[in-house]
C-alpha atoms as a PDB file:
ATOM      1  CA  MET A   1      -0.035   0.174   0.067  1.00  0.00           C
ATOM      2  CA  LEU A   2       1.313   3.424  -0.656  1.00  0.00           C
ATOM      3  CA  GLY A   3      -0.425   5.210   1.846  1.00  0.00           C
ATOM      4  CA  ALA A   4       0.751   8.185   1.796  1.00  0.00           C
ATOM      5  CA  ASN A   5      -2.177   9.670   0.803  1.00  0.00           C
ATOM      6  CA  ARG A   6      -4.080   9.395   4.040  1.00  0.00           C
ATOM      7  CA  LEU A   7      -6.785  12.117   5.614  1.00  0.00           C
ATOM      8  CA  THR A   8      -6.745  12.356   9.094  1.00  0.00           C
ATOM      9  CA  ASP A   9      -9.745  10.409  10.908  1.00  0.00           C
ATOM     10  CA  ARG A  10     -11.136  13.993  11.423  1.00  0.00           C
ATOM     11  CA  ALA A  11     -11.289  14.772   8.083  1.00  0.00           C
ATOM     12  CA  ARG A  12     -12.750  11.680   7.214  1.00  0.00           C
ATOM     13  CA  MET A  13     -15.395  11.960   9.269  1.00  0.00           C
ATOM     14  CA  ASN A  14     -16.125  15.678   8.547  1.00  0.00           C
ATOM     15  CA  LYS A  15     -18.390  15.107   5.238  1.00  0.00           C
ATOM     16  CA  THR A  16     -20.512  18.117   6.418  1.00  0.00           C
ATOM     17  CA  HIS A  17     -16.984  20.273   5.827  1.00  0.00           C
ATOM     18  CA  LEU A  18     -16.784  18.509   2.762  1.00  0.00           C
ATOM     19  CA  GLN A  19     -19.659  19.266   1.297  1.00  0.00           C
ATOM     20  CA  THR A  20     -19.656  23.032   2.432  1.00  0.00           C
ATOM     21  CA  LEU A  21     -16.101  23.709   0.343  1.00  0.00           C
ATOM     22  CA  ILE A  22     -18.046  22.136  -2.570  1.00  0.00           C
ATOM     23  CA  ILE A  23     -21.139  24.133  -2.218  1.00  0.00           C
ATOM     24  CA  ASP A  24     -18.563  27.086  -1.584  1.00  0.00           C
ATOM     25  CA  LYS A  25     -17.140  26.507  -4.874  1.00  0.00           C
ATOM     26  CA  LEU A  26     -20.100  26.239  -6.483  1.00  0.00           C
ATOM     27  CA  GLN A  27     -21.532  29.360  -5.489  1.00  0.00           C
ATOM     28  CA  ALA A  28     -18.096  31.222  -6.449  1.00  0.00           C
ATOM     29  CA  ASP A  29     -18.530  29.271  -9.856  1.00  0.00           C
ATOM     30  CA  LEU A  30     -22.098  30.681  -9.979  1.00  0.00           C
ATOM     31  CA  ALA A  31     -20.977  34.142  -9.014  1.00  0.00           C
ATOM     32  CA  VAL A  32     -18.888  34.130 -12.371  1.00  0.00           C
ATOM     33  CA  ALA A  33     -21.033  32.185 -14.525  1.00  0.00           C
ATOM     34  CA  LYS A  34     -23.870  35.020 -13.735  1.00  0.00           C
ATOM     35  CA  ASP A  35     -21.641  37.818 -14.671  1.00  0.00           C
ATOM     36  CA  ALA A  36     -20.432  36.208 -17.499  1.00  0.00           C
ATOM     37  CA  LEU A  37     -24.039  35.588 -18.292  1.00  0.00           C
ATOM     38  CA  LYS A  38     -24.943  39.237 -17.922  1.00  0.00           C
ATOM     39  CA  ALA A  39     -21.996  40.554 -20.287  1.00  0.00           C
ATOM     40  CA  SER A  40     -22.891  38.130 -23.262  1.00  0.00           C
ATOM     41  CA  HIS A  41     -26.549  39.258 -22.637  1.00  0.00           C
ATOM     42  CA  GLU A  42     -25.468  42.880 -23.196  1.00  0.00           C
ATOM     43  CA  ALA A  43     -23.370  42.164 -25.867  1.00  0.00           C
ATOM     44  CA  ALA A  44     -26.163  40.411 -27.603  1.00  0.00           C
ATOM     45  CA  THR A  45     -28.853  42.858 -27.176  1.00  0.00           C
ATOM     46  CA  HIS A  46     -26.141  46.064 -27.733  1.00  0.00           C
ATOM     47  CA  ALA A  47     -26.897  48.413 -30.493  1.00  0.00           C
ATOM     48  CA  GLU A  48     -23.476  47.338 -32.086  1.00  0.00           C
ATOM     49  CA  SER A  49     -24.530  43.621 -32.356  1.00  0.00           C
ATOM     50  CA  LYS A  50     -27.353  44.501 -34.910  1.00  0.00           C
ATOM     51  CA  ALA A  51     -26.461  42.970 -38.125  1.00  0.00           C
ATOM     52  CA  GLU A  52     -25.050  45.545 -40.778  1.00  0.00           C
ATOM     53  CA  ASN A  53     -25.962  43.170 -43.567  1.00  0.00           C
ATOM     54  CA  LYS A  54     -26.948  39.353 -44.210  1.00  0.00           C
ATOM     55  CA  TYR A  55     -23.694  37.987 -43.616  1.00  0.00           C
ATOM     56  CA  ASP A  56     -22.830  39.741 -40.423  1.00  0.00           C
ATOM     57  CA  THR A  57     -23.557  37.214 -37.317  1.00  0.00           C
ATOM     58  CA  ARG A  58     -22.023  39.352 -34.482  1.00  0.00           C
ATOM     59  CA  GLY A  59     -25.395  39.329 -32.833  1.00  0.00           C
ATOM     60  CA  LEU A  60     -26.732  35.705 -33.557  1.00  0.00           C
ATOM     61  CA  GLU A  61     -22.945  34.690 -32.411  1.00  0.00           C
ATOM     62  CA  ALA A  62     -23.377  36.816 -29.189  1.00  0.00           C
ATOM     63  CA  ALA A  63     -27.014  35.343 -28.661  1.00  0.00           C
ATOM     64  CA  TYR A  64     -25.652  31.590 -28.854  1.00  0.00           C
ATOM     65  CA  LEU A  65     -23.066  32.599 -26.021  1.00  0.00           C
ATOM     66  CA  ALA A  66     -25.801  34.267 -23.880  1.00  0.00           C
ATOM     67  CA  ASP A  67     -28.020  30.910 -24.267  1.00  0.00           C
ATOM     68  CA  GLY A  68     -24.482  28.780 -23.090  1.00  0.00           C
ATOM     69  CA  GLN A  69     -23.804  31.084 -20.062  1.00  0.00           C
ATOM     70  CA  ARG A  70     -27.711  30.592 -19.314  1.00  0.00           C
ATOM     71  CA  ARG A  71     -27.504  26.772 -19.506  1.00  0.00           C
ATOM     72  CA  ARG A  72     -24.416  27.008 -17.165  1.00  0.00           C
ATOM     73  CA  VAL A  73     -25.605  29.138 -14.692  1.00  0.00           C
ATOM     74  CA  HIS A  74     -28.959  26.550 -14.679  1.00  0.00           C
ATOM     75  CA  GLU A  75     -26.434  23.764 -14.432  1.00  0.00           C
ATOM     76  CA  ILE A  76     -24.355  25.249 -11.391  1.00  0.00           C
ATOM     77  CA  GLU A  77     -27.861  26.061  -9.615  1.00  0.00           C
ATOM     78  CA  THR A  78     -28.948  22.405  -9.770  1.00  0.00           C
ATOM     79  CA  ALA A  79     -25.701  21.307  -8.568  1.00  0.00           C
ATOM     80  CA  LEU A  80     -25.856  23.418  -5.710  1.00  0.00           C
ATOM     81  CA  SER A  81     -29.792  22.470  -4.837  1.00  0.00           C
ATOM     82  CA  SER A  82     -28.338  18.806  -5.197  1.00  0.00           C
ATOM     83  CA  TYR A  83     -25.701  19.203  -2.866  1.00  0.00           C
ATOM     84  CA  ARG A  84     -27.877  21.409  -0.204  1.00  0.00           C
ATOM     85  CA  ASN A  85     -30.511  18.298  -0.057  1.00  0.00           C
ATOM     86  CA  LEU A  86     -27.925  15.335   0.000  1.00  0.00           C
ATOM     87  CA  PRO A  87     -27.872  13.920   3.674  1.00  0.00           C
ATOM     88  CA  VAL A  88     -24.611  13.478   5.188  1.00  0.00           C
ATOM     89  CA  ARG A  89     -24.494   9.818   6.227  1.00  0.00           C
ATOM     90  CA  SER A  90     -21.605   7.834   7.638  1.00  0.00           C
ATOM     91  CA  HIS A  91     -20.423   4.673   4.792  1.00  0.00           C
ATOM     92  CA  ARG A  92     -18.481   3.155   7.197  1.00  0.00           C
ATOM     93  CA  ASN A  93     -18.141  -0.573   6.495  1.00  0.00           C
ATOM     94  CA  ALA A  94     -20.882  -0.093   3.861  1.00  0.00           C
ATOM     95  CA  ALA A  95     -21.464  -0.454   0.190  1.00  0.00           C
ATOM     96  CA  ILE A  96     -20.284   2.794  -1.971  1.00  0.00           C
ATOM     97  CA  THR A  97     -23.495   4.790  -2.776  1.00  0.00           C
ATOM     98  CA  LEU A  98     -24.200   8.783  -3.396  1.00  0.00           C
ATOM     99  CA  GLY A  99     -22.261  10.921  -0.443  1.00  0.00           C
ATOM    100  CA  ALA A 100     -19.561   8.477  -0.021  1.00  0.00           C
ATOM    101  CA  LEU A 101     -15.862   9.718   0.429  1.00  0.00           C
ATOM    102  CA  VAL A 102     -13.388   7.133  -0.817  1.00  0.00           C
ATOM    103  CA  SER A 103      -9.977   6.205  -0.754  1.00  0.00           C
ATOM    104  CA  LEU A 104      -8.435   4.583  -3.681  1.00  0.00           C
ATOM    105  CA  GLU A 105      -5.134   3.042  -4.347  1.00  0.00           C
ATOM    106  CA  SER A 106      -3.873   2.191  -8.006  1.00  0.00           C
ATOM    107  CA  ALA A 107      -0.580   0.813  -9.164  1.00  0.00           C
ATOM    108  CA  ASP A 108       0.928   4.734  -9.213  1.00  0.00           C
ATOM    109  CA  ASN A 109      -1.196   6.892  -6.615  1.00  0.00           C
ATOM    110  CA  CYS A 110      -3.359   7.132  -4.053  1.00  0.00           C
ATOM    111  CA  ARG A 111      -6.549   9.530  -4.535  1.00  0.00           C
ATOM    112  CA  TRP A 112      -9.781  10.733  -2.652  1.00  0.00           C
ATOM    113  CA  VAL A 113     -12.710  11.006  -4.130  1.00  0.00           C
ATOM    114  CA  PHE A 114     -16.099  12.264  -3.272  1.00  0.00           C
ATOM    115  CA  LEU A 115     -19.202  10.384  -5.055  1.00  0.00           C
ATOM    116  CA  GLY A 116     -21.829  13.246  -5.406  1.00  0.00           C
ATOM    117  CA  PRO A 117     -24.961  14.344  -7.308  1.00  0.00           C
ATOM    118  CA  ASP A 118     -23.075  16.534 -10.031  1.00  0.00           C
ATOM    119  CA  ALA A 119     -20.338  18.781 -10.255  1.00  0.00           C
ATOM    120  CA  ALA A 120     -17.956  16.024 -11.351  1.00  0.00           C
ATOM    121  CA  GLY A 121     -14.599  17.205 -11.815  1.00  0.00           C
ATOM    122  CA  LEU A 122     -14.993  20.014  -9.112  1.00  0.00           C
ATOM    123  CA  ASN A 123     -11.688  19.463  -6.891  1.00  0.00           C
ATOM    124  CA  VAL A 124     -11.807  20.761  -2.861  1.00  0.00           C
ATOM    125  CA  THR A 125      -8.898  20.551  -0.394  1.00  0.00           C
ATOM    126  CA  ILE A 126      -9.704  19.383   2.804  1.00  0.00           C
ATOM    127  CA  GLU A 127      -7.121  18.742   5.296  1.00  0.00           C
ATOM    128  CA  GLY A 128      -4.255  19.252   2.885  1.00  0.00           C
ATOM    129  CA  GLU A 129      -5.431  16.742   0.471  1.00  0.00           C
ATOM    130  CA  GLU A 130      -7.254  16.824  -2.693  1.00  0.00           C
ATOM    131  CA  VAL A 131     -10.722  15.480  -3.179  1.00  0.00           C
ATOM    132  CA  LEU A 132     -11.995  14.921  -6.698  1.00  0.00           C
ATOM    133  CA  VAL A 133     -15.623  15.219  -7.184  1.00  0.00           C
ATOM    134  CA  ILE A 134     -17.037  12.247  -9.311  1.00  0.00           C
ATOM    135  CA  SER A 135     -20.309  11.156 -10.291  1.00  0.00           C
ATOM    136  CA  PRO A 136     -22.520   8.067 -10.771  1.00  0.00           C
ATOM    137  CA  ARG A 137     -22.630   8.935 -14.006  1.00  0.00           C
ATOM    138  CA  SER A 138     -18.745   8.524 -14.658  1.00  0.00           C
ATOM    139  CA  PRO A 139     -17.247   5.768 -15.579  1.00  0.00           C
ATOM    140  CA  LEU A 140     -15.159   5.597 -11.854  1.00  0.00           C
ATOM    141  CA  GLY A 141     -18.161   6.465 -10.532  1.00  0.00           C
ATOM    142  CA  ARG A 142     -20.375   3.648 -11.970  1.00  0.00           C
ATOM    143  CA  ALA A 143     -17.394   1.073 -11.118  1.00  0.00           C
ATOM    144  CA  LEU A 144     -17.409   2.424  -7.626  1.00  0.00           C
ATOM    145  CA  LEU A 145     -21.054   1.940  -7.065  1.00  0.00           C
ATOM    146  CA  GLY A 146     -21.800  -0.943  -4.673  1.00  0.00           C
ATOM    147  CA  CYS A 147     -18.100  -1.517  -3.579  1.00  0.00           C
ATOM    148  CA  GLU A 148     -16.951  -1.884  -0.301  1.00  0.00           C
ATOM    149  CA  GLU A 149     -13.528  -1.750   1.809  1.00  0.00           C
ATOM    150  CA  GLY A 150     -11.243  -3.981   0.043  1.00  0.00           C
ATOM    151  CA  ASP A 151     -12.846  -4.460  -3.445  1.00  0.00           C
ATOM    152  CA  GLU A 152     -11.511  -3.688  -6.544  1.00  0.00           C
ATOM    153  CA  ALA A 153     -12.734  -1.378  -9.724  1.00  0.00           C
ATOM    154  CA  GLU A 154     -11.454  -1.381 -12.832  1.00  0.00           C
ATOM    155  CA  ILE A 155     -11.930   1.102 -15.687  1.00  0.00           C
ATOM    156  CA  ARG A 156     -10.631   2.067 -19.151  1.00  0.00           C
ATOM    157  CA  VAL A 157      -9.463   5.300 -19.963  1.00  0.00           C
ATOM    158  CA  GLU A 158      -7.714   5.861 -23.211  1.00  0.00           C
ATOM    159  CA  GLY A 159      -7.573   2.072 -23.891  1.00  0.00           C
ATOM    160  CA  GLN A 160      -5.909   1.300 -20.704  1.00  0.00           C
ATOM    161  CA  SER A 161      -7.339  -0.440 -18.055  1.00  0.00           C
ATOM    162  CA  ILE A 162      -6.804   1.259 -14.370  1.00  0.00           C
ATOM    163  CA  ARG A 163      -7.802  -0.942 -11.430  1.00  0.00           C
ATOM    164  CA  TYR A 164      -8.298   1.009  -8.087  1.00  0.00           C
ATOM    165  CA  SER A 165      -8.317  -0.994  -4.827  1.00  0.00           C
ATOM    166  CA  VAL A 166     -10.885   0.719  -2.414  1.00  0.00           C
ATOM    167  CA  ILE A 167      -8.834   1.533   0.536  1.00  0.00           C
ATOM    168  CA  SER A 168     -11.591   3.309   3.264  1.00  0.00           C
ATOM    169  CA  VAL A 169     -15.129   4.329   2.580  1.00  0.00           C
ATOM    170  CA  SER A 170     -16.379   6.817   4.764  1.00  0.00           C
END
């Protein structure tokens, strides 16, 4: 076992703090996305965006950008709602389900993942350790669902097989 990448018992038990960190990061992302939405909406509706001829697509491009920003704001709001309503449960000696904090070990590293309802790819740091948020829709999330401490999960990434050992579940 590599064992170097371990959260302290206090950090492992404090999933409430972890969820708070995730919510804080999502709220910061939401503020940035709302600012971008406002700017893109203003650009789309500004007088200079009005087409000067049939080949001028500035206004159309700005409208597409504003729509993309609107969808991003909605995605973050949905993720925030999911985390605010996610109950904090202990997963000790239990199968991995939504809300589990999992320590994994592969051939070349150890890592912590949090199986969340949304916001996959988000990274947060707790007790000096980086925790990657994954969702049940991700290959790793699907592979881990139902696993317990001591089990192994295997995924394929870019044609390569990666095997993870489940070290702990909390």
